[in-house]
Each structure stands twice: as structure tokens, then as C-alpha cells.
Amino acid sequence: MYTPLPDVPVGVEESDEIDAIRIFPNPTKDEVTIQTDKFKSPVTIQLYDSHGSIVHELKTRQSKITLGLKEFGSGMYLLCVSDQKRTVRKKVIVN
């Protein structure tokens, strides 16, 4: 006799979170442009260094901003963009 299984997730659903923000150019030498079209305004943008310290933070209502990175030096950084419902994280490489 066949008994149907309850609705249980059996895989990983693809998310559009990765595409929620665009960062370009990446890698960069001095600045990146951040597009947050899929976020609700306002958004908080935080940039973390490799030690986990916040090196830059801002709140904005703009869906496209340019962030200068010259002052932070070469390395890998973590960019976090948050609104009231979600946070998306992406790596930024400064040469």
C-alpha cells in the first residue's frame, strides 16, 4: 500500500539573494559601484576588513552608490548590504 510523504524539502532551493546586489568592478583599485535595486529603502552598507572590523558604514536611500576604497589598502573585504528583511554579503577585492 502506498502512503504519500508529507511535503518535506528534499533539496536546496536556488535563491535570488546572490543577484540582489551588484558590485562592480570587482576586483578594483580604488572604488566600487554598488547597485541595490532589489532592496527596500533605506539600506545599510557595511564594509568589513579581514579581521572582522567594520571599516566603513553608511545608510542610504539611493539604489546605486559609488564607494571609494583607496584609503583601505589592498586585500579582501566583506561587503554587507541590509534592509529591514535581509542581508546579502559579497566579497570585494582591492588590488
N, C-alpha and C. Protein backbone atom coordinates (compact mmCIF):
# COMPACT_ATOMS: atom_id res chain seq x y z
N MET A 1 0.84 -1.17 0.00
CA MET A 1 0.00 0.00 0.00
C MET A 1 0.90 1.25 0.00
N TYR A 2 0.54 2.23 -0.79
CA TYR A 2 1.32 3.45 -0.96
C TYR A 2 0.80 4.53 -0.03
N THR A 3 1.70 5.13 0.75
CA THR A 3 1.34 6.25 1.61
C THR A 3 2.18 7.45 1.17
N PRO A 4 1.54 8.53 0.72
CA PRO A 4 2.31 9.68 0.27
C PRO A 4 3.07 10.33 1.43
N LEU A 5 4.23 10.82 1.13
CA LEU A 5 5.03 11.52 2.13
C LEU A 5 4.52 12.94 2.30
N PRO A 6 4.67 13.49 3.48
CA PRO A 6 4.29 14.90 3.65
C PRO A 6 5.24 15.80 2.86
N ASP A 7 4.84 17.04 2.66
CA ASP A 7 5.68 17.99 1.92
C ASP A 7 6.92 18.32 2.75
N VAL A 8 7.98 17.63 2.43
CA VAL A 8 9.25 17.83 3.12
C VAL A 8 10.27 18.25 2.08
N PRO A 9 11.01 19.35 2.32
CA PRO A 9 12.02 19.74 1.35
C PRO A 9 13.10 18.67 1.23
N VAL A 10 13.48 18.34 0.01
CA VAL A 10 14.49 17.31 -0.20
C VAL A 10 15.70 17.84 -0.96
N GLY A 11 15.73 19.15 -1.21
CA GLY A 11 16.85 19.74 -1.94
C GLY A 11 17.07 21.16 -1.48
N VAL A 12 17.97 21.80 -2.16
CA VAL A 12 18.27 23.19 -1.86
C VAL A 12 17.64 24.05 -2.94
N GLU A 13 16.82 24.97 -2.53
CA GLU A 13 16.16 25.85 -3.48
C GLU A 13 17.10 26.98 -3.86
N GLU A 14 17.18 27.26 -5.15
CA GLU A 14 18.01 28.36 -5.61
C GLU A 14 17.42 29.67 -5.11
N SER A 15 18.28 30.56 -4.72
CA SER A 15 17.85 31.84 -4.19
C SER A 15 18.31 32.96 -5.09
N ASP A 16 17.53 34.03 -5.14
CA ASP A 16 17.96 35.18 -5.92
C ASP A 16 18.74 36.17 -5.06
N GLU A 17 19.07 35.77 -3.84
CA GLU A 17 19.82 36.65 -2.94
C GLU A 17 21.17 37.04 -3.53
N ILE A 18 21.82 36.13 -4.24
CA ILE A 18 23.11 36.42 -4.83
C ILE A 18 23.00 37.56 -5.82
N ASP A 19 21.89 37.62 -6.54
CA ASP A 19 21.70 38.66 -7.55
C ASP A 19 21.03 39.90 -6.99
N ALA A 20 20.78 39.96 -5.70
CA ALA A 20 20.09 41.09 -5.10
C ALA A 20 20.92 42.36 -5.13
N ILE A 21 22.24 42.22 -5.16
CA ILE A 21 23.12 43.39 -5.29
C ILE A 21 24.14 43.12 -6.39
N ARG A 22 24.58 44.20 -7.01
CA ARG A 22 25.66 44.12 -8.00
C ARG A 22 26.79 45.00 -7.52
N ILE A 23 28.00 44.48 -7.59
CA ILE A 23 29.20 45.23 -7.20
C ILE A 23 30.15 45.19 -8.38
N PHE A 24 30.58 46.37 -8.84
CA PHE A 24 31.49 46.40 -9.99
C PHE A 24 32.32 47.67 -9.94
N PRO A 25 33.54 47.65 -10.46
CA PRO A 25 34.29 46.46 -10.85
C PRO A 25 34.78 45.72 -9.61
N ASN A 26 34.96 44.47 -9.75
CA ASN A 26 35.45 43.63 -8.65
C ASN A 26 36.25 42.49 -9.25
N PRO A 27 37.57 42.49 -9.07
CA PRO A 27 38.41 43.32 -8.21
C PRO A 27 38.51 44.77 -8.71
N THR A 28 38.96 45.63 -7.79
CA THR A 28 39.06 47.05 -8.08
C THR A 28 40.35 47.61 -7.51
N LYS A 29 40.69 48.82 -7.95
CA LYS A 29 41.88 49.50 -7.42
C LYS A 29 41.49 50.60 -6.44
N ASP A 30 40.38 51.29 -6.72
CA ASP A 30 40.09 52.44 -5.88
C ASP A 30 38.63 52.66 -5.50
N GLU A 31 37.67 52.16 -6.28
CA GLU A 31 36.27 52.35 -5.92
C GLU A 31 35.40 51.26 -6.53
N VAL A 32 34.25 51.04 -5.90
CA VAL A 32 33.26 50.12 -6.44
C VAL A 32 31.91 50.82 -6.51
N THR A 33 31.11 50.38 -7.46
CA THR A 33 29.74 50.84 -7.55
C THR A 33 28.87 49.71 -7.02
N ILE A 34 27.90 50.07 -6.19
CA ILE A 34 27.02 49.10 -5.56
C ILE A 34 25.59 49.42 -6.00
N GLN A 35 24.93 48.43 -6.62
CA GLN A 35 23.53 48.58 -7.01
C GLN A 35 22.68 47.70 -6.12
N THR A 36 21.65 48.29 -5.55
CA THR A 36 20.78 47.58 -4.60
C THR A 36 19.33 47.66 -5.04
N ASP A 37 19.06 47.53 -6.32
CA ASP A 37 17.71 47.72 -6.87
C ASP A 37 16.65 46.81 -6.23
N LYS A 38 17.04 45.63 -5.78
CA LYS A 38 16.06 44.67 -5.25
C LYS A 38 15.84 44.81 -3.75
N PHE A 39 16.44 45.83 -3.13
CA PHE A 39 16.27 46.07 -1.70
C PHE A 39 15.27 47.18 -1.49
N LYS A 40 14.60 47.13 -0.34
CA LYS A 40 13.72 48.23 0.04
C LYS A 40 14.55 49.29 0.75
N SER A 41 14.25 50.52 0.45
CA SER A 41 14.98 51.65 1.04
C SER A 41 14.49 51.87 2.46
N PRO A 42 15.34 52.30 3.37
CA PRO A 42 16.77 52.54 3.24
C PRO A 42 17.58 51.26 3.42
N VAL A 43 18.82 51.29 2.94
CA VAL A 43 19.72 50.16 3.13
C VAL A 43 20.91 50.59 3.95
N THR A 44 21.48 49.63 4.66
CA THR A 44 22.72 49.85 5.40
C THR A 44 23.81 49.08 4.68
N ILE A 45 24.91 49.76 4.41
CA ILE A 45 26.06 49.14 3.75
C ILE A 45 27.22 49.15 4.73
N GLN A 46 27.78 47.96 4.98
CA GLN A 46 28.91 47.82 5.89
C GLN A 46 30.04 47.13 5.16
N LEU A 47 31.25 47.63 5.35
CA LEU A 47 32.44 47.03 4.77
C LEU A 47 33.33 46.54 5.90
N TYR A 48 33.65 45.24 5.88
CA TYR A 48 34.47 44.61 6.91
C TYR A 48 35.83 44.27 6.34
N ASP A 49 36.88 44.44 7.16
CA ASP A 49 38.21 44.01 6.73
C ASP A 49 38.41 42.54 7.07
N SER A 50 39.61 42.02 6.80
CA SER A 50 39.87 40.59 7.02
C SER A 50 39.92 40.20 8.50
N HIS A 51 39.93 41.20 9.39
CA HIS A 51 39.92 40.92 10.83
C HIS A 51 38.52 40.96 11.41
N GLY A 52 37.53 41.27 10.55
CA GLY A 52 36.15 41.33 11.01
C GLY A 52 35.74 42.68 11.57
N SER A 53 36.59 43.68 11.39
CA SER A 53 36.28 45.02 11.88
C SER A 53 35.54 45.81 10.80
N ILE A 54 34.56 46.59 11.20
CA ILE A 54 33.87 47.46 10.25
C ILE A 54 34.78 48.63 9.94
N VAL A 55 35.12 48.79 8.66
CA VAL A 55 35.98 49.90 8.26
C VAL A 55 35.18 51.03 7.61
N HIS A 56 33.95 50.74 7.22
CA HIS A 56 33.09 51.77 6.64
C HIS A 56 31.63 51.34 6.80
N GLU A 57 30.78 52.31 7.11
CA GLU A 57 29.36 52.02 7.25
C GLU A 57 28.56 53.24 6.82
N LEU A 58 27.48 52.99 6.10
CA LEU A 58 26.60 54.10 5.71
C LEU A 58 25.19 53.60 5.52
N LYS A 59 24.24 54.52 5.66
CA LYS A 59 22.83 54.24 5.37
C LYS A 59 22.45 55.15 4.21
N THR A 60 21.71 54.59 3.27
CA THR A 60 21.34 55.35 2.09
C THR A 60 19.98 54.94 1.58
N ARG A 61 19.37 55.85 0.86
CA ARG A 61 18.10 55.58 0.17
C ARG A 61 18.34 55.45 -1.33
N GLN A 62 19.57 55.65 -1.76
CA GLN A 62 19.91 55.53 -3.18
C GLN A 62 20.08 54.06 -3.55
N SER A 63 19.67 53.71 -4.75
CA SER A 63 19.81 52.33 -5.20
C SER A 63 21.13 52.08 -5.91
N LYS A 64 21.91 53.15 -6.15
CA LYS A 64 23.21 52.99 -6.79
C LYS A 64 24.16 54.02 -6.18
N ILE A 65 25.25 53.52 -5.58
CA ILE A 65 26.23 54.42 -4.98
C ILE A 65 27.63 53.96 -5.36
N THR A 66 28.56 54.89 -5.29
CA THR A 66 29.97 54.58 -5.52
C THR A 66 30.70 54.75 -4.20
N LEU A 67 31.47 53.74 -3.84
CA LEU A 67 32.19 53.73 -2.57
C LEU A 67 33.68 53.75 -2.85
N GLY A 68 34.37 54.78 -2.34
CA GLY A 68 35.82 54.88 -2.50
C GLY A 68 36.53 53.92 -1.56
N LEU A 69 37.52 53.20 -2.09
CA LEU A 69 38.23 52.19 -1.29
C LEU A 69 39.74 52.44 -1.19
N LYS A 70 40.25 53.52 -1.79
CA LYS A 70 41.69 53.79 -1.79
C LYS A 70 42.29 53.79 -0.39
N GLU A 71 41.58 54.38 0.54
CA GLU A 71 42.10 54.55 1.90
C GLU A 71 42.22 53.25 2.69
N PHE A 72 41.60 52.18 2.22
CA PHE A 72 41.60 50.94 2.98
C PHE A 72 42.75 50.00 2.64
N GLY A 73 43.42 50.20 1.54
CA GLY A 73 44.56 49.35 1.19
C GLY A 73 44.13 48.07 0.49
N SER A 74 45.13 47.37 -0.01
CA SER A 74 44.88 46.12 -0.75
C SER A 74 44.40 45.02 0.19
N GLY A 75 43.60 44.12 -0.37
CA GLY A 75 43.13 42.99 0.41
C GLY A 75 41.72 42.60 0.04
N MET A 76 41.20 41.64 0.79
CA MET A 76 39.84 41.17 0.59
C MET A 76 38.95 41.74 1.69
N TYR A 77 37.79 42.22 1.29
CA TYR A 77 36.83 42.82 2.21
C TYR A 77 35.49 42.13 2.04
N LEU A 78 34.66 42.22 3.06
CA LEU A 78 33.32 41.68 3.00
C LEU A 78 32.35 42.84 3.03
N LEU A 79 31.51 42.93 1.99
CA LEU A 79 30.52 43.98 1.89
C LEU A 79 29.17 43.40 2.26
N CYS A 80 28.50 44.00 3.23
CA CYS A 80 27.18 43.56 3.67
C CYS A 80 26.17 44.65 3.37
N VAL A 81 25.11 44.28 2.68
CA VAL A 81 24.02 45.20 2.36
C VAL A 81 22.76 44.66 3.03
N SER A 82 22.11 45.51 3.83
CA SER A 82 20.95 45.07 4.62
C SER A 82 19.79 46.05 4.45
N ASP A 83 18.59 45.49 4.43
CA ASP A 83 17.39 46.30 4.58
C ASP A 83 16.64 45.73 5.77
N GLN A 84 15.36 46.03 5.89
CA GLN A 84 14.61 45.57 7.05
C GLN A 84 14.39 44.07 7.08
N LYS A 85 14.51 43.40 5.91
CA LYS A 85 14.17 41.99 5.84
C LYS A 85 15.35 41.05 5.63
N ARG A 86 16.45 41.53 5.06
CA ARG A 86 17.53 40.60 4.70
C ARG A 86 18.88 41.28 4.67
N THR A 87 19.90 40.43 4.64
CA THR A 87 21.28 40.88 4.49
C THR A 87 21.94 40.01 3.44
N VAL A 88 22.64 40.66 2.52
CA VAL A 88 23.40 39.94 1.49
C VAL A 88 24.85 40.32 1.65
N ARG A 89 25.73 39.32 1.58
CA ARG A 89 27.17 39.53 1.76
C ARG A 89 27.90 39.14 0.49
N LYS A 90 28.87 39.97 0.11
CA LYS A 90 29.70 39.66 -1.06
C LYS A 90 31.13 40.09 -0.76
N LYS A 91 32.07 39.36 -1.35
CA LYS A 91 33.49 39.69 -1.22
C LYS A 91 33.86 40.79 -2.21
N VAL A 92 34.73 41.68 -1.77
CA VAL A 92 35.28 42.74 -2.61
C VAL A 92 36.80 42.63 -2.51
N ILE A 93 37.47 42.61 -3.64
CA ILE A 93 38.93 42.53 -3.65
C ILE A 93 39.49 43.85 -4.12
N VAL A 94 40.39 44.43 -3.32
CA VAL A 94 41.06 45.68 -3.65
C VAL A 94 42.51 45.33 -3.97
N ASN A 95 42.95 45.70 -5.18
CA ASN A 95 44.34 45.43 -5.60
C ASN A 95 45.25 46.58 -5.23
